[in-house]
């Protein structure tokens, strides 16, 4: 029987968050445990009702259960789901279909009364399914997406320590969604900064999941209004919630990769309010 762990995260006003201690910031915004063997972990956030979670099947098939806050019998009843595999080869079952996902491959599942299960091909090299879910008003077709299908943006430079490829994978230029948008940014060796210059987008929230962080290294995630920022230190395979009023940038002690997911009323990737680097406080 699948063991499912979940918690609720409530929204914070920026005037309140500016007074938070490091412990309070981590409690409200850091998602420290994404993966645990033969379990499904998730956080239900009041920021656009985004769900952030992970499933790590070892020697059993894991069920994506409808947690109590959904008040629905099936997880996908009124939700869409984006999944990235960052582990060994695995399989996602939905209704009478199945999808094989290898490392860094993604899957979009549309809303509907269909059960979802996760499985690993090899218990010695288990799949790690990271997922985001947003509310959905209609069904769009399921689709597997690889990096070869993505809209790729090469940005930054080694001279400014932010040479990176932004792989826009589960976005409306690739496939239709209700509101969920996801992608994966890979930093080149020697680069550590992402998402610079900083920006906000008031019509959607975001979640960042950091991985490929080498052992004994870390990532410092910057958040808050550009005029008064805060930071949260993260380890490998941890995530952070980013409110609509907050910037979301980071620098690591090594290069790394992160998966970004967005939910809100706007599907325009370029709808951003940028700030100058020299304006950060």
C-alpha atoms as a PDB file:
ATOM      1  CA  UNK A   1       0.000   0.000   0.000  1.00  0.00           C
ATOM      2  CA  UNK A   2       1.354   3.405  -0.978  1.00  0.00           C
ATOM      3  CA  UNK A   3       2.490   5.644   1.841  1.00  0.00           C
ATOM      4  CA  UNK A   4       1.617   9.253   1.058  1.00  0.00           C
ATOM      5  CA  UNK A   5       2.913  12.189   3.091  1.00  0.00           C
ATOM      6  CA  UNK A   6       1.630  15.714   2.601  1.00  0.00           C
ATOM      7  CA  UNK A   7       1.547  19.105   4.249  1.00  0.00           C
ATOM      8  CA  UNK A   8      -0.186  22.424   3.660  1.00  0.00           C
ATOM      9  CA  UNK A   9       1.655  25.688   3.118  1.00  0.00           C
ATOM     10  CA  UNK A  10      -0.207  28.961   3.539  1.00  0.00           C
ATOM     11  CA  UNK A  11       0.462  32.200   1.678  1.00  0.00           C
ATOM     12  CA  UNK A  12       2.405  35.046   3.296  1.00  0.00           C
ATOM     13  CA  UNK A  13       2.114  38.800   2.840  1.00  0.00           C
ATOM     14  CA  UNK A  14       5.452  40.384   1.828  1.00  0.00           C
ATOM     15  CA  UNK A  15       5.197  42.870   4.701  1.00  0.00           C
ATOM     16  CA  UNK A  16       5.075  39.919   7.090  1.00  0.00           C
ATOM     17  CA  UNK A  17       7.740  37.821   5.368  1.00  0.00           C
ATOM     18  CA  UNK A  18      10.307  40.610   5.687  1.00  0.00           C
ATOM     19  CA  UNK A  19      10.359  39.937   9.449  1.00  0.00           C
ATOM     20  CA  UNK A  20      10.813  36.158   9.220  1.00  0.00           C
ATOM     21  CA  UNK A  21      13.838  34.468  10.730  1.00  0.00           C
ATOM     22  CA  UNK A  22      15.814  31.932   8.695  1.00  0.00           C
ATOM     23  CA  UNK A  23      13.947  29.133  10.449  1.00  0.00           C
ATOM     24  CA  UNK A  24      10.572  30.669   9.588  1.00  0.00           C
ATOM     25  CA  UNK A  25      11.582  31.238   5.948  1.00  0.00           C
ATOM     26  CA  UNK A  26      12.652  27.606   5.666  1.00  0.00           C
ATOM     27  CA  UNK A  27       9.477  26.386   7.353  1.00  0.00           C
ATOM     28  CA  UNK A  28       7.215  28.324   4.987  1.00  0.00           C
ATOM     29  CA  UNK A  29       9.065  28.123   1.660  1.00  0.00           C
ATOM     30  CA  UNK A  30      11.614  25.265   1.670  1.00  0.00           C
ATOM     31  CA  UNK A  31      10.473  21.773   0.691  1.00  0.00           C
ATOM     32  CA  UNK A  32      13.204  19.701   2.244  1.00  0.00           C
ATOM     33  CA  UNK A  33      12.079  16.132   1.518  1.00  0.00           C
ATOM     34  CA  UNK A  34      10.979  15.394  -2.019  1.00  0.00           C
ATOM     35  CA  UNK A  35      12.045  11.757  -2.293  1.00  0.00           C
ATOM     36  CA  UNK A  36      11.939   8.856   0.131  1.00  0.00           C
ATOM     37  CA  UNK A  37      11.940   5.149  -0.807  1.00  0.00           C
ATOM     38  CA  UNK A  38       8.534   3.681  -1.694  1.00  0.00           C
ATOM     39  CA  UNK A  39       6.732   6.875  -0.677  1.00  0.00           C
ATOM     40  CA  UNK A  40       4.953   9.823  -2.278  1.00  0.00           C
ATOM     41  CA  UNK A  41       5.643  13.208  -0.703  1.00  0.00           C
ATOM     42  CA  UNK A  42       3.847  16.417  -1.571  1.00  0.00           C
ATOM     43  CA  UNK A  43       3.196  19.968  -0.448  1.00  0.00           C
ATOM     44  CA  UNK A  44      -0.130  21.647  -1.165  1.00  0.00           C
ATOM     45  CA  UNK A  45       0.594  25.363  -1.466  1.00  0.00           C
ATOM     46  CA  UNK A  46      -1.982  28.136  -1.242  1.00  0.00           C
ATOM     47  CA  UNK A  47       0.042  30.002  -3.886  1.00  0.00           C
ATOM     48  CA  UNK A  48      -2.230  29.324  -6.872  1.00  0.00           C
ATOM     49  CA  UNK A  49      -2.972  25.951  -5.220  1.00  0.00           C
ATOM     50  CA  UNK A  50       0.166  24.434  -6.692  1.00  0.00           C
ATOM     51  CA  UNK A  51       1.138  20.951  -5.504  1.00  0.00           C
ATOM     52  CA  UNK A  52       4.866  20.136  -5.465  1.00  0.00           C
ATOM     53  CA  UNK A  53       5.976  16.589  -4.810  1.00  0.00           C
ATOM     54  CA  UNK A  54       7.949  13.504  -5.618  1.00  0.00           C
ATOM     55  CA  UNK A  55       7.505   9.734  -5.913  1.00  0.00           C
ATOM     56  CA  UNK A  56      10.346   7.234  -5.549  1.00  0.00           C
ATOM     57  CA  UNK A  57       9.175   3.684  -6.240  1.00  0.00           C
ATOM     58  CA  UNK A  58      11.691   0.984  -5.387  1.00  0.00           C
ATOM     59  CA  UNK A  59      10.102  -2.472  -5.467  1.00  0.00           C
ATOM     60  CA  UNK A  60       6.419  -1.563  -5.663  1.00  0.00           C
ATOM     61  CA  UNK A  61       4.078   0.489  -7.789  1.00  0.00           C
ATOM     62  CA  UNK A  62       3.155   3.775  -6.091  1.00  0.00           C
ATOM     63  CA  UNK A  63      -0.317   5.294  -6.364  1.00  0.00           C
ATOM     64  CA  UNK A  64      -0.784   9.049  -6.698  1.00  0.00           C
ATOM     65  CA  UNK A  65      -3.507   9.337  -4.103  1.00  0.00           C
ATOM     66  CA  UNK A  66      -6.010  12.154  -3.769  1.00  0.00           C
ATOM     67  CA  UNK A  67      -4.975  13.826  -0.522  1.00  0.00           C
ATOM     68  CA  UNK A  68      -7.694  15.119   1.785  1.00  0.00           C
ATOM     69  CA  UNK A  69      -7.380  18.862   0.911  1.00  0.00           C
ATOM     70  CA  UNK A  70      -8.441  18.067  -2.683  1.00  0.00           C
ATOM     71  CA  UNK A  71     -11.850  16.833  -1.499  1.00  0.00           C
ATOM     72  CA  UNK A  72     -11.995  14.639  -4.592  1.00  0.00           C
ATOM     73  CA  UNK A  73     -11.798  10.848  -5.000  1.00  0.00           C
ATOM     74  CA  UNK A  74      -9.124  11.006  -7.730  1.00  0.00           C
ATOM     75  CA  UNK A  75      -6.048  13.235  -7.847  1.00  0.00           C
ATOM     76  CA  UNK A  76      -6.511  14.251 -11.497  1.00  0.00           C
ATOM     77  CA  UNK A  77     -10.243  14.929 -11.163  1.00  0.00           C
ATOM     78  CA  UNK A  78      -9.797  18.688 -11.605  1.00  0.00           C
ATOM     79  CA  UNK A  79      -6.003  18.934 -11.883  1.00  0.00           C
ATOM     80  CA  UNK A  80      -3.290  18.694 -14.507  1.00  0.00           C
ATOM     81  CA  UNK A  81       0.083  17.163 -13.740  1.00  0.00           C
ATOM     82  CA  UNK A  82       3.641  17.700 -14.943  1.00  0.00           C
ATOM     83  CA  UNK A  83       6.254  15.020 -14.166  1.00  0.00           C
ATOM     84  CA  UNK A  84      10.038  14.950 -14.626  1.00  0.00           C
ATOM     85  CA  UNK A  85      12.113  11.831 -14.020  1.00  0.00           C
ATOM     86  CA  UNK A  86      15.512  12.615 -12.485  1.00  0.00           C
ATOM     87  CA  UNK A  87      16.442   9.030 -11.606  1.00  0.00           C
ATOM     88  CA  UNK A  88      16.663   5.646 -13.299  1.00  0.00           C
ATOM     89  CA  UNK A  89      14.251   4.511 -15.997  1.00  0.00           C
ATOM     90  CA  UNK A  90      10.664   4.392 -14.800  1.00  0.00           C
ATOM     91  CA  UNK A  91       7.112   4.064 -15.953  1.00  0.00           C
ATOM     92  CA  UNK A  92       4.019   6.186 -15.335  1.00  0.00           C
ATOM     93  CA  UNK A  93       0.624   4.525 -15.675  1.00  0.00           C
ATOM     94  CA  UNK A  94      -2.510   6.549 -16.275  1.00  0.00           C
ATOM     95  CA  UNK A  95      -5.814   4.747 -16.920  1.00  0.00           C
ATOM     96  CA  UNK A  96      -5.079   2.195 -19.688  1.00  0.00           C
ATOM     97  CA  UNK A  97      -1.884   3.910 -20.909  1.00  0.00           C
ATOM     98  CA  UNK A  98       1.727   3.826 -19.774  1.00  0.00           C
ATOM     99  CA  UNK A  99       4.711   6.079 -20.473  1.00  0.00           C
ATOM    100  CA  UNK A 100       8.387   5.176 -20.116  1.00  0.00           C
ATOM    101  CA  UNK A 101      10.452   8.047 -18.745  1.00  0.00           C
ATOM    102  CA  UNK A 102      14.242   8.142 -18.758  1.00  0.00           C
ATOM    103  CA  UNK A 103      16.524  10.677 -17.082  1.00  0.00           C
ATOM    104  CA  UNK A 104      15.381  14.288 -17.628  1.00  0.00           C
ATOM    105  CA  UNK A 105      12.331  13.275 -19.663  1.00  0.00           C
ATOM    106  CA  UNK A 106       8.975  14.865 -18.859  1.00  0.00           C
ATOM    107  CA  UNK A 107       5.309  13.939 -19.057  1.00  0.00           C
ATOM    108  CA  UNK A 108       2.150  16.049 -19.103  1.00  0.00           C
ATOM    109  CA  UNK A 109      -1.106  14.500 -17.896  1.00  0.00           C
ATOM    110  CA  UNK A 110      -4.400  16.294 -18.413  1.00  0.00           C
ATOM    111  CA  UNK A 111      -7.279  16.473 -15.970  1.00  0.00           C
ATOM    112  CA  UNK A 112      -9.816  13.663 -15.725  1.00  0.00           C
ATOM    113  CA  UNK A 113     -10.994  10.811 -13.538  1.00  0.00           C
ATOM    114  CA  UNK A 114      -7.975   8.581 -14.132  1.00  0.00           C
ATOM    115  CA  UNK A 115      -5.669   6.998 -11.596  1.00  0.00           C
ATOM    116  CA  UNK A 116      -1.896   7.498 -11.787  1.00  0.00           C
ATOM    117  CA  UNK A 117       0.805   5.033 -10.692  1.00  0.00           C
ATOM    118  CA  UNK A 118       4.605   5.226 -10.655  1.00  0.00           C
ATOM    119  CA  UNK A 119       7.031   2.329 -11.116  1.00  0.00           C
ATOM    120  CA  UNK A 120      10.794   1.828 -11.423  1.00  0.00           C
ATOM    121  CA  UNK A 121      12.379  -0.505 -13.957  1.00  0.00           C
ATOM    122  CA  UNK A 122      15.311  -1.377 -11.684  1.00  0.00           C
ATOM    123  CA  UNK A 123      15.096  -1.321  -7.894  1.00  0.00           C
ATOM    124  CA  UNK A 124      18.871  -0.824  -7.737  1.00  0.00           C
ATOM    125  CA  UNK A 125      18.570   2.350  -9.834  1.00  0.00           C
ATOM    126  CA  UNK A 126      15.096   3.656  -8.997  1.00  0.00           C
ATOM    127  CA  UNK A 127      13.222   6.349 -10.852  1.00  0.00           C
ATOM    128  CA  UNK A 128      12.658   9.653  -9.089  1.00  0.00           C
ATOM    129  CA  UNK A 129       9.510  11.335 -10.327  1.00  0.00           C
ATOM    130  CA  UNK A 130       9.354  15.034  -9.444  1.00  0.00           C
ATOM    131  CA  UNK A 131       5.943  16.571 -10.120  1.00  0.00           C
ATOM    132  CA  UNK A 132       3.967  19.810 -10.072  1.00  0.00           C
ATOM    133  CA  UNK A 133       0.193  19.980 -10.287  1.00  0.00           C
ATOM    134  CA  UNK A 134      -2.199  22.882 -10.855  1.00  0.00           C
ATOM    135  CA  UNK A 135      -5.961  23.164 -10.983  1.00  0.00           C
ATOM    136  CA  UNK A 136      -7.439  22.627 -14.457  1.00  0.00           C
ATOM    137  CA  UNK A 137     -10.781  23.531 -16.003  1.00  0.00           C
ATOM    138  CA  UNK A 138     -10.615  21.049 -18.904  1.00  0.00           C
ATOM    139  CA  UNK A 139      -8.685  18.077 -20.235  1.00  0.00           C
ATOM    140  CA  UNK A 140      -5.755  18.439 -22.612  1.00  0.00           C
ATOM    141  CA  UNK A 141      -4.035  15.412 -24.198  1.00  0.00           C
ATOM    142  CA  UNK A 142      -1.332  13.524 -22.330  1.00  0.00           C
ATOM    143  CA  UNK A 143       2.110  13.848 -23.876  1.00  0.00           C
ATOM    144  CA  UNK A 144       5.666  12.777 -23.195  1.00  0.00           C
ATOM    145  CA  UNK A 145       8.233  15.535 -23.837  1.00  0.00           C
ATOM    146  CA  UNK A 146      12.002  15.166 -24.148  1.00  0.00           C
ATOM    147  CA  UNK A 147      14.716  17.788 -24.457  1.00  0.00           C
ATOM    148  CA  UNK A 148      14.621  17.300 -28.229  1.00  0.00           C
ATOM    149  CA  UNK A 149      11.012  18.565 -28.170  1.00  0.00           C
ATOM    150  CA  UNK A 150      11.815  21.581 -26.011  1.00  0.00           C
ATOM    151  CA  UNK A 151      12.122  25.225 -26.910  1.00  0.00           C
ATOM    152  CA  UNK A 152      15.752  25.770 -25.919  1.00  0.00           C
ATOM    153  CA  UNK A 153      17.130  29.186 -24.984  1.00  0.00           C
ATOM    154  CA  UNK A 154      20.878  29.512 -24.536  1.00  0.00           C
ATOM    155  CA  UNK A 155      21.559  32.445 -22.238  1.00  0.00           C
ATOM    156  CA  UNK A 156      24.294  34.091 -20.201  1.00  0.00           C
ATOM    157  CA  UNK A 157      28.042  33.695 -20.480  1.00  0.00           C
ATOM    158  CA  UNK A 158      30.902  32.098 -18.593  1.00  0.00           C
ATOM    159  CA  UNK A 159      32.324  35.574 -18.001  1.00  0.00           C
ATOM    160  CA  UNK A 160      29.274  36.438 -15.894  1.00  0.00           C
ATOM    161  CA  UNK A 161      29.044  32.933 -14.358  1.00  0.00           C
ATOM    162  CA  UNK A 162      25.580  32.266 -15.774  1.00  0.00           C
ATOM    163  CA  UNK A 163      25.967  30.345 -19.057  1.00  0.00           C
ATOM    164  CA  UNK A 164      22.895  28.111 -19.172  1.00  0.00           C
ATOM    165  CA  UNK A 165      20.351  26.347 -21.365  1.00  0.00           C
ATOM    166  CA  UNK A 166      16.701  26.927 -20.533  1.00  0.00           C
ATOM    167  CA  UNK A 167      14.689  23.937 -21.784  1.00  0.00           C
ATOM    168  CA  UNK A 168      11.054  25.018 -22.008  1.00  0.00           C
ATOM    169  CA  UNK A 169       9.326  21.633 -22.075  1.00  0.00           C
ATOM    170  CA  UNK A 170       5.793  21.632 -20.665  1.00  0.00           C
ATOM    171  CA  UNK A 171       4.931  25.082 -22.011  1.00  0.00           C
ATOM    172  CA  UNK A 172       2.291  26.350 -24.389  1.00  0.00           C
ATOM    173  CA  UNK A 173       4.775  26.626 -27.275  1.00  0.00           C
ATOM    174  CA  UNK A 174       5.146  22.820 -27.066  1.00  0.00           C
ATOM    175  CA  UNK A 175       1.736  21.560 -25.895  1.00  0.00           C
ATOM    176  CA  UNK A 176      -1.543  22.999 -24.585  1.00  0.00           C
ATOM    177  CA  UNK A 177      -2.097  23.256 -20.819  1.00  0.00           C
ATOM    178  CA  UNK A 178      -4.631  25.006 -18.631  1.00  0.00           C
ATOM    179  CA  UNK A 179      -2.149  26.919 -16.463  1.00  0.00           C
ATOM    180  CA  UNK A 180       0.802  24.686 -15.599  1.00  0.00           C
ATOM    181  CA  UNK A 181       4.153  25.538 -17.226  1.00  0.00           C
ATOM    182  CA  UNK A 182       7.388  23.626 -16.536  1.00  0.00           C
ATOM    183  CA  UNK A 183      10.928  23.481 -17.790  1.00  0.00           C
ATOM    184  CA  UNK A 184      14.488  22.646 -16.863  1.00  0.00           C
ATOM    185  CA  UNK A 185      17.514  24.925 -16.752  1.00  0.00           C
ATOM    186  CA  UNK A 186      21.003  23.413 -16.976  1.00  0.00           C
ATOM    187  CA  UNK A 187      23.996  25.490 -15.923  1.00  0.00           C
ATOM    188  CA  UNK A 188      27.296  24.943 -17.710  1.00  0.00           C
ATOM    189  CA  UNK A 189      30.448  24.024 -15.752  1.00  0.00           C
ATOM    190  CA  UNK A 190      31.944  27.185 -14.289  1.00  0.00           C
ATOM    191  CA  UNK A 191      28.558  28.928 -14.069  1.00  0.00           C
ATOM    192  CA  UNK A 192      26.583  29.223 -10.854  1.00  0.00           C
ATOM    193  CA  UNK A 193      24.031  32.044 -11.273  1.00  0.00           C
ATOM    194  CA  UNK A 194      20.537  31.487 -12.612  1.00  0.00           C
ATOM    195  CA  UNK A 195      17.658  33.820 -13.439  1.00  0.00           C
ATOM    196  CA  UNK A 196      19.676  37.013 -13.625  1.00  0.00           C
ATOM    197  CA  UNK A 197      18.688  39.804 -13.828  1.00  0.00           C
ATOM    198  CA  UNK A 198      16.006  39.099 -11.217  1.00  0.00           C
ATOM    199  CA  UNK A 199      12.320  39.393 -12.009  1.00  0.00           C
ATOM    200  CA  UNK A 200       8.843  38.821 -10.643  1.00  0.00           C
ATOM    201  CA  UNK A 201       5.609  37.870 -12.382  1.00  0.00           C
ATOM    202  CA  UNK A 202       2.598  38.959 -10.403  1.00  0.00           C
ATOM    203  CA  UNK A 203       0.141  36.767 -12.318  1.00  0.00           C
ATOM    204  CA  UNK A 204       1.784  33.449 -11.477  1.00  0.00           C
ATOM    205  CA  UNK A 205       3.756  31.753  -8.703  1.00  0.00           C
ATOM    206  CA  UNK A 206       6.709  29.466  -9.197  1.00  0.00           C
ATOM    207  CA  UNK A 207       8.458  26.480  -7.624  1.00  0.00           C
ATOM    208  CA  UNK A 208      12.141  25.668  -8.106  1.00  0.00           C
ATOM    209  CA  UNK A 209      13.578  22.168  -7.643  1.00  0.00           C
ATOM    210  CA  UNK A 210      17.370  21.972  -7.492  1.00  0.00           C
ATOM    211  CA  UNK A 211      19.265  18.801  -8.428  1.00  0.00           C
ATOM    212  CA  UNK A 212      22.605  17.655  -9.824  1.00  0.00           C
ATOM    213  CA  UNK A 213      24.097  19.584  -6.922  1.00  0.00           C
ATOM    214  CA  UNK A 214      27.394  17.755  -6.214  1.00  0.00           C
ATOM    215  CA  UNK A 215      28.032  16.174  -2.824  1.00  0.00           C
ATOM    216  CA  UNK A 216      29.194  18.677  -0.195  1.00  0.00           C
ATOM    217  CA  UNK A 217      27.995  21.603  -2.332  1.00  0.00           C
ATOM    218  CA  UNK A 218      24.897  23.790  -1.923  1.00  0.00           C
ATOM    219  CA  UNK A 219      22.693  26.371  -3.610  1.00  0.00           C
ATOM    220  CA  UNK A 220      21.676  29.718  -2.119  1.00  0.00           C
ATOM    221  CA  UNK A 221      18.188  30.701  -3.277  1.00  0.00           C
ATOM    222  CA  UNK A 222      17.336  34.406  -3.164  1.00  0.00           C
ATOM    223  CA  UNK A 223      13.764  35.549  -2.640  1.00  0.00           C
ATOM    224  CA  UNK A 224      11.675  38.494  -1.529  1.00  0.00           C
ATOM    225  CA  UNK A 225      10.975  41.924  -3.023  1.00  0.00           C
ATOM    226  CA  UNK A 226      13.971  43.211  -4.945  1.00  0.00           C
ATOM    227  CA  UNK A 227      14.267  46.061  -2.448  1.00  0.00           C
ATOM    228  CA  UNK A 228      14.680  43.714   0.537  1.00  0.00           C
ATOM    229  CA  UNK A 229      15.788  40.189  -0.328  1.00  0.00           C
ATOM    230  CA  UNK A 230      16.242  37.100   1.832  1.00  0.00           C
ATOM    231  CA  UNK A 231      18.004  33.800   1.180  1.00  0.00           C
ATOM    232  CA  UNK A 232      17.496  30.090   1.789  1.00  0.00           C
ATOM    233  CA  UNK A 233      20.314  27.544   1.508  1.00  0.00           C
ATOM    234  CA  UNK A 234      19.319  24.288  -0.207  1.00  0.00           C
ATOM    235  CA  UNK A 235      20.894  20.867  -0.607  1.00  0.00           C
ATOM    236  CA  UNK A 236      20.613  18.504  -3.557  1.00  0.00           C
ATOM    237  CA  UNK A 237      17.053  17.459  -4.525  1.00  0.00           C
ATOM    238  CA  UNK A 238      15.249  20.084  -2.489  1.00  0.00           C
ATOM    239  CA  UNK A 239      12.665  22.601  -3.675  1.00  0.00           C
ATOM    240  CA  UNK A 240      11.469  26.066  -2.765  1.00  0.00           C
ATOM    241  CA  UNK A 241       8.187  27.927  -3.253  1.00  0.00           C
ATOM    242  CA  UNK A 242       8.303  31.377  -4.823  1.00  0.00           C
ATOM    243  CA  UNK A 243       5.376  33.764  -4.225  1.00  0.00           C
ATOM    244  CA  UNK A 244       4.158  36.091  -6.936  1.00  0.00           C
ATOM    245  CA  UNK A 245       5.765  39.089  -5.202  1.00  0.00           C
ATOM    246  CA  UNK A 246       9.170  37.439  -4.862  1.00  0.00           C
ATOM    247  CA  UNK A 247      12.223  37.245  -7.065  1.00  0.00           C
ATOM    248  CA  UNK A 248      13.574  33.719  -7.586  1.00  0.00           C
ATOM    249  CA  UNK A 249      17.261  33.549  -8.315  1.00  0.00           C
ATOM    250  CA  UNK A 250      20.115  31.461  -6.999  1.00  0.00           C
ATOM    251  CA  UNK A 251      23.839  30.934  -6.930  1.00  0.00           C
ATOM    252  CA  UNK A 252      25.535  27.647  -6.155  1.00  0.00           C
ATOM    253  CA  UNK A 253      28.953  26.620  -4.979  1.00  0.00           C
ATOM    254  CA  UNK A 254      29.044  24.545  -8.176  1.00  0.00           C
ATOM    255  CA  UNK A 255      26.988  24.360 -11.342  1.00  0.00           C
ATOM    256  CA  UNK A 256      23.660  22.526 -11.018  1.00  0.00           C
ATOM    257  CA  UNK A 257      20.316  21.961 -12.737  1.00  0.00           C
ATOM    258  CA  UNK A 258      16.865  23.064 -11.661  1.00  0.00           C
ATOM    259  CA  UNK A 259      13.287  22.405 -12.720  1.00  0.00           C
ATOM    260  CA  UNK A 260      10.939  25.349 -12.653  1.00  0.00           C
ATOM    261  CA  UNK A 261       7.178  25.105 -12.506  1.00  0.00           C
ATOM    262  CA  UNK A 262       4.618  27.892 -12.713  1.00  0.00           C
ATOM    263  CA  UNK A 263       0.896  28.228 -12.135  1.00  0.00           C
ATOM    264  CA  UNK A 264      -1.415  31.201 -12.377  1.00  0.00           C
ATOM    265  CA  UNK A 265      -3.641  33.089 -14.751  1.00  0.00           C
ATOM    266  CA  UNK A 266      -1.080  33.734 -17.469  1.00  0.00           C
ATOM    267  CA  UNK A 267       0.699  31.361 -19.887  1.00  0.00           C
ATOM    268  CA  UNK A 268       3.001  33.983 -21.410  1.00  0.00           C
ATOM    269  CA  UNK A 269       6.531  32.949 -20.420  1.00  0.00           C
ATOM    270  CA  UNK A 270       7.874  36.432 -21.184  1.00  0.00           C
ATOM    271  CA  UNK A 271       5.399  38.284 -18.945  1.00  0.00           C
ATOM    272  CA  UNK A 272       8.012  39.342 -16.393  1.00  0.00           C
ATOM    273  CA  UNK A 273       8.864  42.497 -14.497  1.00  0.00           C
ATOM    274  CA  UNK A 274      12.650  42.771 -14.556  1.00  0.00           C
ATOM    275  CA  UNK A 275      14.849  44.628 -12.109  1.00  0.00           C
ATOM    276  CA  UNK A 276      18.403  45.776 -12.640  1.00  0.00           C
ATOM    277  CA  UNK A 277      21.085  43.799 -10.867  1.00  0.00           C
ATOM    278  CA  UNK A 278      22.301  47.024  -9.282  1.00  0.00           C
ATOM    279  CA  UNK A 279      18.845  47.549  -7.751  1.00  0.00           C
ATOM    280  CA  UNK A 280      18.948  44.393  -5.611  1.00  0.00           C
ATOM    281  CA  UNK A 281      18.970  45.095  -1.896  1.00  0.00           C
END
